[in-house]
């Protein structure tokens, strides 16, 4: 009888393991609990990485906002744009502009100690090849807004400092109308100080993503993006060199042995710049369906013949990237956000990467990553900050669509491992 009781108690102990025991193998040693990832890691980046649009933009987030609680959609009435008070179906096609979920930045842009708002609105109906509406609000609590007609469909907005003066600009990448025949669009940036937009229209393309950073180490942040092509232009990478004093020129000579990509590799959904090998030069990341292409920066040039490809299932399409020293060994790991099965869910992957080899660390740090839902249920972005104000880093989904809209997706950290919490509203 005693032996049976002891057996039952032992089985109960196995079932009731604590979170500490769950994460005991994160460091690769039985019984070793992983170190907590404190917010101090968000400052542990080299100067060249701190000047990237990825770092500037992620650092701007200390909470997630529901823009629809701060401002409404708009209706064009003559030459004015007015908040929509009462929905009218007969006005949608001619006059309505809807907020594009996830296309916003909220941070102190002008240094007055108050958070400002920038957001993008798409002309309805979806897929219309018409200018969108760009909003700027100098203080999210103010009733005063600035509205400008501009890019058709901004797909990514990032913080940059093109004049190297400590004052931010917002760089904008637009796909144009996201509907056949995909006519493409321009690039632009918003000059916060002048409250005006500057457009780069010499190369029209479907710019789904892009990044800024000083790729040639001349002291000025350059622009890298990828044109997924139009009926008249082949797909190709794009580099806009920043010479300082507002002078920018397209210079695609930085891409060696790179003419264009054959399908299915001709769509680049995500572009980032980050010095992953800590040699002082920003490396280039192209996220595609089924693979992440990583180009080593060789004195300001990116050679397609030496690209490293991290490959995964073709049902996974790279949506966003983040860089953090998860295992606290001094090197940054790559966190990948995917959409699943053509925007029917999301997944996360964590990779320990060098240009010699790479290893999947996902299961060591995350309890659950994959989630599947109905059509167009996905995440646009991952933000890294202390979501629950407990002193350590969490990973937060932003730009929630479909079943996830108005809900939340958070991976809360507990002693070095991340536990997913999803709220569907």
Protein backbone atom coordinates (compact mmCIF):
# COMPACT_ATOMS: atom_id res chain seq x y z
CA UNK A 1 0.00 0.00 0.00
CA UNK A 2 2.85 2.38 0.93
CA UNK A 3 4.64 1.69 -2.34
CA UNK A 4 1.46 2.49 -4.30
CA UNK A 5 1.08 5.78 -2.41
CA UNK A 6 4.71 6.74 -3.11
CA UNK A 7 4.21 5.93 -6.80
CA UNK A 8 1.12 8.17 -6.98
CA UNK A 9 2.94 11.03 -5.24
CA UNK A 10 5.86 10.74 -7.65
CA UNK A 11 3.51 10.85 -10.65
CA UNK A 12 1.78 13.93 -9.21
CA UNK A 13 5.13 15.68 -8.79
CA UNK A 14 5.95 15.10 -12.46
CA UNK A 15 2.62 16.55 -13.60
CA UNK A 16 2.87 19.56 -11.29
CA UNK A 17 6.26 20.81 -12.46
CA UNK A 18 6.89 24.49 -11.96
CA UNK A 19 7.82 27.08 -14.56
CA UNK A 20 11.35 26.91 -13.19
CA UNK A 21 11.50 23.22 -14.11
CA UNK A 22 9.89 23.87 -17.51
CA UNK A 23 12.75 26.18 -18.48
CA UNK A 24 15.52 24.21 -16.82
CA UNK A 25 17.03 23.21 -20.16
CA UNK A 26 17.16 26.66 -21.77
CA UNK A 27 20.88 26.96 -21.06
CA UNK A 28 21.47 23.43 -22.25
CA UNK A 29 22.13 22.14 -18.72
CA UNK A 30 19.76 20.00 -16.70
CA UNK A 31 18.58 21.87 -13.61
CA UNK A 32 19.86 25.29 -14.73
CA UNK A 33 17.22 28.02 -14.83
CA UNK A 34 17.65 30.55 -17.65
CA UNK A 35 18.61 34.10 -16.78
CA UNK A 36 15.86 36.66 -16.84
CA UNK A 37 16.12 39.05 -19.79
CA UNK A 38 16.05 42.47 -18.16
CA UNK A 39 15.22 45.72 -19.92
CA UNK A 40 18.90 46.68 -19.75
CA UNK A 41 19.42 44.39 -22.76
CA UNK A 42 17.47 46.92 -24.85
CA UNK A 43 20.40 49.32 -24.43
CA UNK A 44 23.08 46.72 -25.15
CA UNK A 45 23.62 47.52 -28.84
CA UNK A 46 26.57 48.95 -30.73
CA UNK A 47 26.43 52.55 -31.95
CA UNK A 48 25.99 51.42 -35.58
CA UNK A 49 23.01 49.24 -34.61
CA UNK A 50 21.50 52.02 -32.51
CA UNK A 51 21.47 54.16 -35.68
CA UNK A 52 19.33 51.67 -37.62
CA UNK A 53 15.66 52.24 -38.29
CA UNK A 54 14.95 48.90 -36.60
CA UNK A 55 16.47 50.02 -33.30
CA UNK A 56 15.05 53.56 -33.45
CA UNK A 57 11.55 52.27 -34.19
CA UNK A 58 11.49 49.44 -31.65
CA UNK A 59 12.83 51.81 -28.97
CA UNK A 60 9.90 54.14 -29.57
CA UNK A 61 7.45 51.56 -28.21
CA UNK A 62 6.66 51.19 -24.53
CA UNK A 63 2.99 50.32 -25.09
CA UNK A 64 0.62 49.29 -27.88
CA UNK A 65 -2.12 51.66 -29.00
CA UNK A 66 -5.54 51.13 -30.53
CA UNK A 67 -5.56 54.06 -32.95
CA UNK A 68 -9.31 53.83 -33.37
CA UNK A 69 -9.60 54.99 -29.76
CA UNK A 70 -7.54 58.09 -30.54
CA UNK A 71 -9.00 59.20 -33.85
CA UNK A 72 -11.72 58.15 -36.29
CA UNK A 73 -11.80 57.26 -39.97
CA UNK A 74 -12.32 60.12 -42.40
CA UNK A 75 -14.71 61.23 -45.11
CA UNK A 76 -13.86 63.65 -47.88
CA UNK A 77 -16.41 66.46 -48.12
CA UNK A 78 -15.40 68.88 -50.84
CA UNK A 79 -11.82 69.90 -50.05
CA UNK A 80 -12.08 68.91 -46.39
CA UNK A 81 -11.51 65.64 -44.55
CA UNK A 82 -13.91 65.18 -41.65
CA UNK A 83 -14.22 62.40 -39.06
CA UNK A 84 -16.98 59.95 -39.99
CA UNK A 85 -19.84 60.43 -37.53
CA UNK A 86 -22.50 58.26 -39.17
CA UNK A 87 -21.67 55.47 -41.60
CA UNK A 88 -23.27 55.82 -45.03
CA UNK A 89 -22.81 52.99 -47.49
CA UNK A 90 -23.35 55.26 -50.49
CA UNK A 91 -20.32 57.36 -49.44
CA UNK A 92 -17.72 54.59 -49.07
CA UNK A 93 -16.49 54.36 -52.67
CA UNK A 94 -16.35 58.07 -53.34
CA UNK A 95 -15.17 59.50 -50.09
CA UNK A 96 -14.09 57.20 -47.23
CA UNK A 97 -10.57 56.68 -45.85
CA UNK A 98 -10.05 53.85 -43.34
CA UNK A 99 -7.19 53.48 -40.90
CA UNK A 100 -4.74 50.76 -42.03
CA UNK A 101 -4.20 48.57 -38.96
CA UNK A 102 -0.63 48.69 -37.66
CA UNK A 103 0.44 51.69 -39.74
CA UNK A 104 1.21 54.14 -36.96
CA UNK A 105 3.94 55.55 -34.75
CA UNK A 106 3.36 57.10 -31.34
CA UNK A 107 6.36 58.66 -29.64
CA UNK A 108 7.76 62.07 -28.76
CA UNK A 109 8.82 63.18 -32.22
CA UNK A 110 9.54 66.87 -31.54
CA UNK A 111 11.16 66.69 -28.12
CA UNK A 112 8.42 68.52 -26.20
CA UNK A 113 7.88 65.65 -23.76
CA UNK A 114 4.50 64.70 -25.23
CA UNK A 115 3.72 61.70 -27.41
CA UNK A 116 2.82 62.54 -31.01
CA UNK A 117 0.89 60.41 -33.50
CA UNK A 118 1.53 59.58 -37.14
CA UNK A 119 -0.90 57.24 -38.94
CA UNK A 120 -1.90 56.14 -42.44
CA UNK A 121 -5.38 55.76 -43.97
CA UNK A 122 -6.29 53.93 -47.19
CA UNK A 123 -8.76 55.27 -49.74
CA UNK A 124 -11.77 52.98 -50.00
CA UNK A 125 -12.68 50.58 -51.45
CA UNK A 126 -9.58 48.52 -50.65
CA UNK A 127 -7.28 48.26 -53.66
CA UNK A 128 -8.19 51.69 -55.03
CA UNK A 129 -5.22 53.16 -56.91
CA UNK A 130 -5.62 56.55 -55.27
CA UNK A 131 -3.66 58.61 -52.78
CA UNK A 132 -4.07 57.68 -49.17
CA UNK A 133 -4.46 60.04 -46.23
CA UNK A 134 -1.55 60.69 -43.87
CA UNK A 135 -2.26 62.01 -40.37
CA UNK A 136 0.02 63.84 -37.96
CA UNK A 137 -1.04 64.87 -34.48
CA UNK A 138 1.37 66.95 -32.39
CA UNK A 139 0.29 65.48 -29.01
CA UNK A 140 -2.08 62.52 -28.98
CA UNK A 141 -4.36 64.37 -26.55
CA UNK A 142 -4.76 67.38 -28.83
CA UNK A 143 -7.83 67.95 -31.00
CA UNK A 144 -5.69 69.54 -33.72
CA UNK A 145 -4.56 67.27 -36.57
CA UNK A 146 -2.71 67.66 -39.85
CA UNK A 147 -4.00 65.64 -42.82
CA UNK A 148 -2.18 65.26 -46.16
CA UNK A 149 -2.99 63.27 -49.26
CA UNK A 150 0.06 61.14 -50.04
CA UNK A 151 1.25 57.60 -50.64
CA UNK A 152 -1.39 55.06 -51.70
CA UNK A 153 -0.78 52.30 -49.13
CA UNK A 154 2.05 52.75 -46.65
CA UNK A 155 3.20 49.27 -45.67
CA UNK A 156 6.06 50.19 -43.34
CA UNK A 157 6.96 53.31 -41.39
CA UNK A 158 10.25 53.65 -39.50
CA UNK A 159 12.15 56.29 -37.57
CA UNK A 160 15.32 57.69 -39.16
CA UNK A 161 17.71 60.61 -38.73
CA UNK A 162 18.74 61.58 -42.24
CA UNK A 163 20.36 64.90 -41.28
CA UNK A 164 22.35 63.46 -38.38
CA UNK A 165 20.98 66.21 -36.14
CA UNK A 166 19.18 64.14 -33.51
CA UNK A 167 15.78 65.10 -34.97
CA UNK A 168 13.73 62.20 -36.37
CA UNK A 169 12.21 61.76 -39.79
CA UNK A 170 9.60 59.09 -40.55
CA UNK A 171 10.62 57.01 -43.58
CA UNK A 172 7.67 55.56 -45.51
CA UNK A 173 7.57 52.53 -47.83
CA UNK A 174 4.43 52.04 -49.94
CA UNK A 175 3.27 49.08 -51.99
CA UNK A 176 0.82 51.17 -53.94
CA UNK A 177 -2.50 49.54 -54.73
CA UNK A 178 -2.30 45.98 -53.38
CA UNK A 179 -4.33 44.60 -56.26
CA UNK A 180 -3.72 43.51 -59.85
CA UNK A 181 -2.03 44.87 -61.89
CA UNK A 182 0.05 46.22 -58.92
CA UNK A 183 0.98 49.64 -60.34
CA UNK A 184 3.45 50.43 -57.53
CA UNK A 185 4.14 53.68 -55.73
CA UNK A 186 6.85 56.10 -54.56
CA UNK A 187 8.89 56.35 -51.39
CA UNK A 188 8.73 59.30 -49.03
CA UNK A 189 9.73 60.62 -45.66
CA UNK A 190 7.94 62.94 -43.26
CA UNK A 191 10.05 65.82 -42.00
CA UNK A 192 8.69 66.26 -38.48
CA UNK A 193 10.31 69.66 -37.94
CA UNK A 194 8.93 71.12 -41.20
CA UNK A 195 5.75 69.01 -41.04
CA UNK A 196 6.06 68.23 -44.73
CA UNK A 197 6.68 65.21 -46.97
CA UNK A 198 9.50 64.62 -49.40
CA UNK A 199 8.89 62.07 -52.17
CA UNK A 200 11.34 59.87 -54.07
CA UNK A 201 9.62 59.19 -57.39
CA UNK A 202 12.52 58.20 -59.66
CA UNK A 203 11.93 54.49 -59.07
CA UNK A 204 8.29 53.36 -58.90
CA UNK A 205 7.76 49.95 -57.31
CA UNK A 206 5.83 47.78 -54.89
CA UNK A 207 7.75 48.65 -51.73
CA UNK A 208 6.48 46.25 -49.09
CA UNK A 209 9.29 47.01 -46.66
CA UNK A 210 12.56 48.81 -46.21
CA UNK A 211 15.13 50.02 -43.71
CA UNK A 212 17.53 52.87 -43.10
CA UNK A 213 21.07 52.90 -41.75
CA UNK A 214 24.59 54.03 -42.58
CA UNK A 215 25.72 51.19 -44.84
CA UNK A 216 28.96 52.84 -46.02
CA UNK A 217 29.90 54.43 -42.69
CA UNK A 218 30.10 57.97 -44.04
CA UNK A 219 28.01 59.34 -41.16
CA UNK A 220 24.65 59.54 -42.97
CA UNK A 221 21.78 57.06 -42.93
CA UNK A 222 20.98 55.53 -46.31
CA UNK A 223 17.76 53.87 -47.54
CA UNK A 224 17.48 50.23 -48.60
CA UNK A 225 14.32 48.69 -49.99
CA UNK A 226 13.14 46.20 -52.61
CA UNK A 227 10.83 46.86 -55.53
CA UNK A 228 8.63 43.85 -56.13
CA UNK A 229 8.10 45.23 -59.60
CA UNK A 230 5.27 46.63 -61.68
CA UNK A 231 3.97 45.67 -65.13
CA UNK A 232 6.68 47.92 -66.56
CA UNK A 233 9.61 47.35 -64.14
CA UNK A 234 11.41 44.15 -63.15
CA UNK A 235 11.75 43.40 -59.44
CA UNK A 236 15.04 44.66 -57.99
CA UNK A 237 16.70 45.90 -54.78
CA UNK A 238 16.99 49.66 -54.32
CA UNK A 239 19.64 51.71 -52.51
CA UNK A 240 19.21 55.47 -52.06
CA UNK A 241 22.46 57.01 -50.89
CA UNK A 242 22.31 59.89 -48.45
CA UNK A 243 25.07 62.44 -49.13
CA UNK A 244 23.91 64.78 -46.36
CA UNK A 245 22.32 68.24 -46.56
CA UNK A 246 19.20 66.74 -48.13
CA UNK A 247 20.95 65.24 -51.17
CA UNK A 248 19.81 61.69 -52.02
CA UNK A 249 20.58 59.65 -55.14
CA UNK A 250 19.67 56.14 -56.27
CA UNK A 251 22.84 54.02 -56.44
CA UNK A 252 22.18 50.32 -56.97
CA UNK A 253 25.84 49.56 -57.61
CA UNK A 254 26.08 48.42 -53.97
CA UNK A 255 24.28 45.20 -55.02
CA UNK A 256 26.83 42.95 -56.69
CA UNK A 257 25.79 40.20 -59.13
CA UNK A 258 22.16 41.14 -58.58
CA UNK A 259 19.93 41.70 -61.58
CA UNK A 260 16.52 40.34 -60.57
CA UNK A 261 14.98 37.36 -58.77
CA UNK A 262 13.00 34.59 -60.40
CA UNK A 263 9.66 33.54 -58.88
CA UNK A 264 8.93 32.59 -56.15
CA UNK A 265 11.87 34.63 -54.78
CA UNK A 266 10.84 37.86 -56.49
CA UNK A 267 8.71 39.08 -53.57
CA UNK A 268 10.58 40.53 -50.59
CA UNK A 269 8.16 41.13 -47.75
CA UNK A 270 10.62 42.28 -45.09
CA UNK A 271 13.83 44.32 -45.28
CA UNK A 272 16.11 45.15 -42.33
CA UNK A 273 19.62 46.43 -41.71
CA UNK A 274 21.55 45.19 -38.67
CA UNK A 275 25.19 44.42 -37.89
CA UNK A 276 24.65 40.79 -36.94
CA UNK A 277 28.35 39.82 -36.82
CA UNK A 278 29.48 42.96 -34.94
CA UNK A 279 32.17 43.93 -37.47
CA UNK A 280 30.99 47.54 -37.62
CA UNK A 281 29.11 47.21 -40.94
CA UNK A 282 25.32 46.86 -41.29
CA UNK A 283 24.29 43.57 -42.87
CA UNK A 284 21.20 43.26 -45.05
CA UNK A 285 18.17 41.01 -44.46
CA UNK A 286 15.56 40.10 -47.10
CA UNK A 287 12.57 38.16 -45.73
CA UNK A 288 10.71 36.03 -48.26
CA UNK A 289 8.27 33.14 -48.39
CA UNK A 290 10.11 30.11 -47.07
CA UNK A 291 13.47 31.80 -46.50
CA UNK A 292 15.45 34.64 -44.96
CA UNK A 293 18.31 35.93 -47.12
CA UNK A 294 21.21 37.51 -45.21
CA UNK A 295 23.87 39.53 -47.04
CA UNK A 296 27.14 40.30 -45.30
CA UNK A 297 28.14 43.93 -45.71
CA UNK A 298 31.53 43.85 -47.42
CA UNK A 299 32.80 47.45 -47.15
CA UNK A 300 29.45 48.86 -48.22
CA UNK A 301 28.56 46.22 -50.84
CA UNK A 302 26.14 43.25 -50.80
CA UNK A 303 27.07 40.31 -53.03
CA UNK A 304 24.22 38.02 -54.08
CA UNK A 305 26.68 35.21 -54.84
CA UNK A 306 27.64 34.97 -51.15
CA UNK A 307 24.17 35.39 -49.62
CA UNK A 308 23.30 33.05 -46.73
CA UNK A 309 19.79 31.58 -46.84
CA UNK A 310 17.99 30.45 -43.71
CA UNK A 311 15.28 28.20 -45.12
CA UNK A 312 12.03 26.99 -43.56
CA UNK A 313 8.61 25.74 -44.59
CA UNK A 314 7.14 27.48 -47.65
CA UNK A 315 3.88 28.04 -45.75
CA UNK A 316 5.78 30.66 -43.72
CA UNK A 317 6.16 34.21 -45.03
CA UNK A 318 8.53 36.58 -43.17
CA UNK A 319 6.56 39.55 -41.80
CA UNK A 320 8.97 41.14 -39.33
CA UNK A 321 12.37 40.71 -37.67
CA UNK A 322 13.85 41.61 -34.29
CA UNK A 323 17.34 41.29 -32.82
CA UNK A 324 18.12 40.56 -29.18
CA UNK A 325 20.72 38.68 -27.12
CA UNK A 326 18.34 36.00 -25.82
CA UNK A 327 21.01 33.65 -24.45
CA UNK A 328 23.13 36.56 -23.14
CA UNK A 329 26.33 35.33 -24.76
CA UNK A 330 27.17 38.74 -26.23
CA UNK A 331 25.76 38.01 -29.71
CA UNK A 332 22.31 38.95 -30.99
CA UNK A 333 19.86 36.27 -32.10
CA UNK A 334 17.31 36.77 -34.89
CA UNK A 335 13.60 36.62 -34.03
CA UNK A 336 11.35 36.04 -37.05
CA UNK A 337 7.62 36.74 -37.26
CA UNK A 338 5.87 34.79 -40.01
CA UNK A 339 2.35 34.77 -41.38
CA UNK A 340 1.05 31.24 -41.91
CA UNK A 341 -0.64 29.80 -45.01
CA UNK A 342 -1.17 33.13 -46.77
CA UNK A 343 -2.35 35.24 -43.83
CA UNK A 344 -4.30 32.60 -41.92
CA UNK A 345 -2.29 32.86 -38.71
CA UNK A 346 1.19 33.59 -37.40
CA UNK A 347 4.30 31.89 -36.05
CA UNK A 348 7.61 32.85 -34.43
CA UNK A 349 11.11 31.46 -34.91
CA UNK A 350 14.33 32.23 -33.05
CA UNK A 351 17.72 31.61 -34.66
CA UNK A 352 21.28 31.73 -33.37
CA UNK A 353 23.03 32.97 -36.52
CA UNK A 354 26.52 33.45 -37.82
CA UNK A 355 27.72 33.56 -41.42
CA UNK A 356 29.23 30.11 -40.85
CA UNK A 357 26.17 28.34 -39.40
CA UNK A 358 22.82 28.84 -37.70
CA UNK A 359 20.67 26.96 -35.20
CA UNK A 360 16.96 27.02 -34.34
CA UNK A 361 16.48 27.99 -30.68
CA UNK A 362 12.71 28.52 -30.76
CA UNK A 363 11.63 25.68 -28.49
CA UNK A 364 14.15 26.66 -25.82
CA UNK A 365 12.64 30.09 -25.31
CA UNK A 366 8.94 29.90 -26.29
CA UNK A 367 6.12 27.72 -25.03
CA UNK A 368 3.80 28.31 -28.02
CA UNK A 369 4.47 30.17 -31.25
CA UNK A 370 2.14 28.97 -34.01
CA UNK A 371 -1.49 30.11 -34.14
CA UNK A 372 -3.94 29.54 -36.97
CA UNK A 373 -7.18 31.39 -37.66
CA UNK A 374 -9.51 32.36 -40.47
CA UNK A 375 -8.55 34.31 -43.61
CA UNK A 376 -6.58 37.51 -43.00
CA UNK A 377 -5.94 36.81 -39.32
CA UNK A 378 -2.29 37.73 -38.74
CA UNK A 379 0.23 40.05 -37.08
CA UNK A 380 2.19 42.79 -38.84
CA UNK A 381 4.83 43.55 -36.21
CA UNK A 382 6.62 42.34 -33.12
CA UNK A 383 7.70 44.92 -30.53
CA UNK A 384 10.12 44.24 -27.68
CA UNK A 385 9.57 46.14 -24.43
CA UNK A 386 8.45 45.62 -20.82
CA UNK A 387 4.73 45.07 -21.45
CA UNK A 388 3.70 44.26 -17.88
CA UNK A 389 6.09 46.65 -16.08
CA UNK A 390 7.84 43.90 -14.12
CA UNK A 391 11.36 44.89 -15.10
CA UNK A 392 12.01 42.34 -17.83
CA UNK A 393 11.50 42.13 -21.57
CA UNK A 394 8.30 40.87 -23.22
CA UNK A 395 7.43 40.38 -26.89
CA UNK A 396 4.25 42.03 -28.11
CA UNK A 397 2.28 41.65 -31.33
CA UNK A 398 1.14 44.80 -33.11
CA UNK A 399 -0.99 45.39 -36.19
CA UNK A 400 -3.56 42.66 -35.43
CA UNK A 401 -5.92 41.60 -38.22
CA UNK A 402 -8.99 39.40 -38.65
CA UNK A 403 -9.90 37.24 -35.66
CA UNK A 404 -7.17 39.01 -33.66
CA UNK A 405 -8.39 42.55 -34.34
CA UNK A 406 -9.00 44.57 -31.15
CA UNK A 407 -7.45 41.73 -29.15
CA UNK A 408 -3.88 41.21 -27.99
CA UNK A 409 -0.99 38.80 -28.51
CA UNK A 410 1.81 38.88 -25.93
CA UNK A 411 4.67 36.56 -25.03
CA UNK A 412 5.29 37.40 -21.37
CA UNK A 413 8.66 36.50 -19.99
CA UNK A 414 9.21 34.46 -16.87
CA UNK A 415 12.87 33.88 -15.97
CA UNK A 416 14.13 33.75 -19.52
CA UNK A 417 11.30 31.90 -21.24
CA UNK A 418 8.33 33.44 -23.04
CA UNK A 419 4.73 32.33 -22.47
CA UNK A 420 2.07 33.30 -24.97
CA UNK A 421 -1.18 34.97 -24.00
CA UNK A 422 -3.85 35.67 -26.64
CA UNK A 423 -6.99 37.72 -26.07
CA UNK A 424 -9.67 37.66 -28.77
CA UNK A 425 -12.25 40.45 -28.55
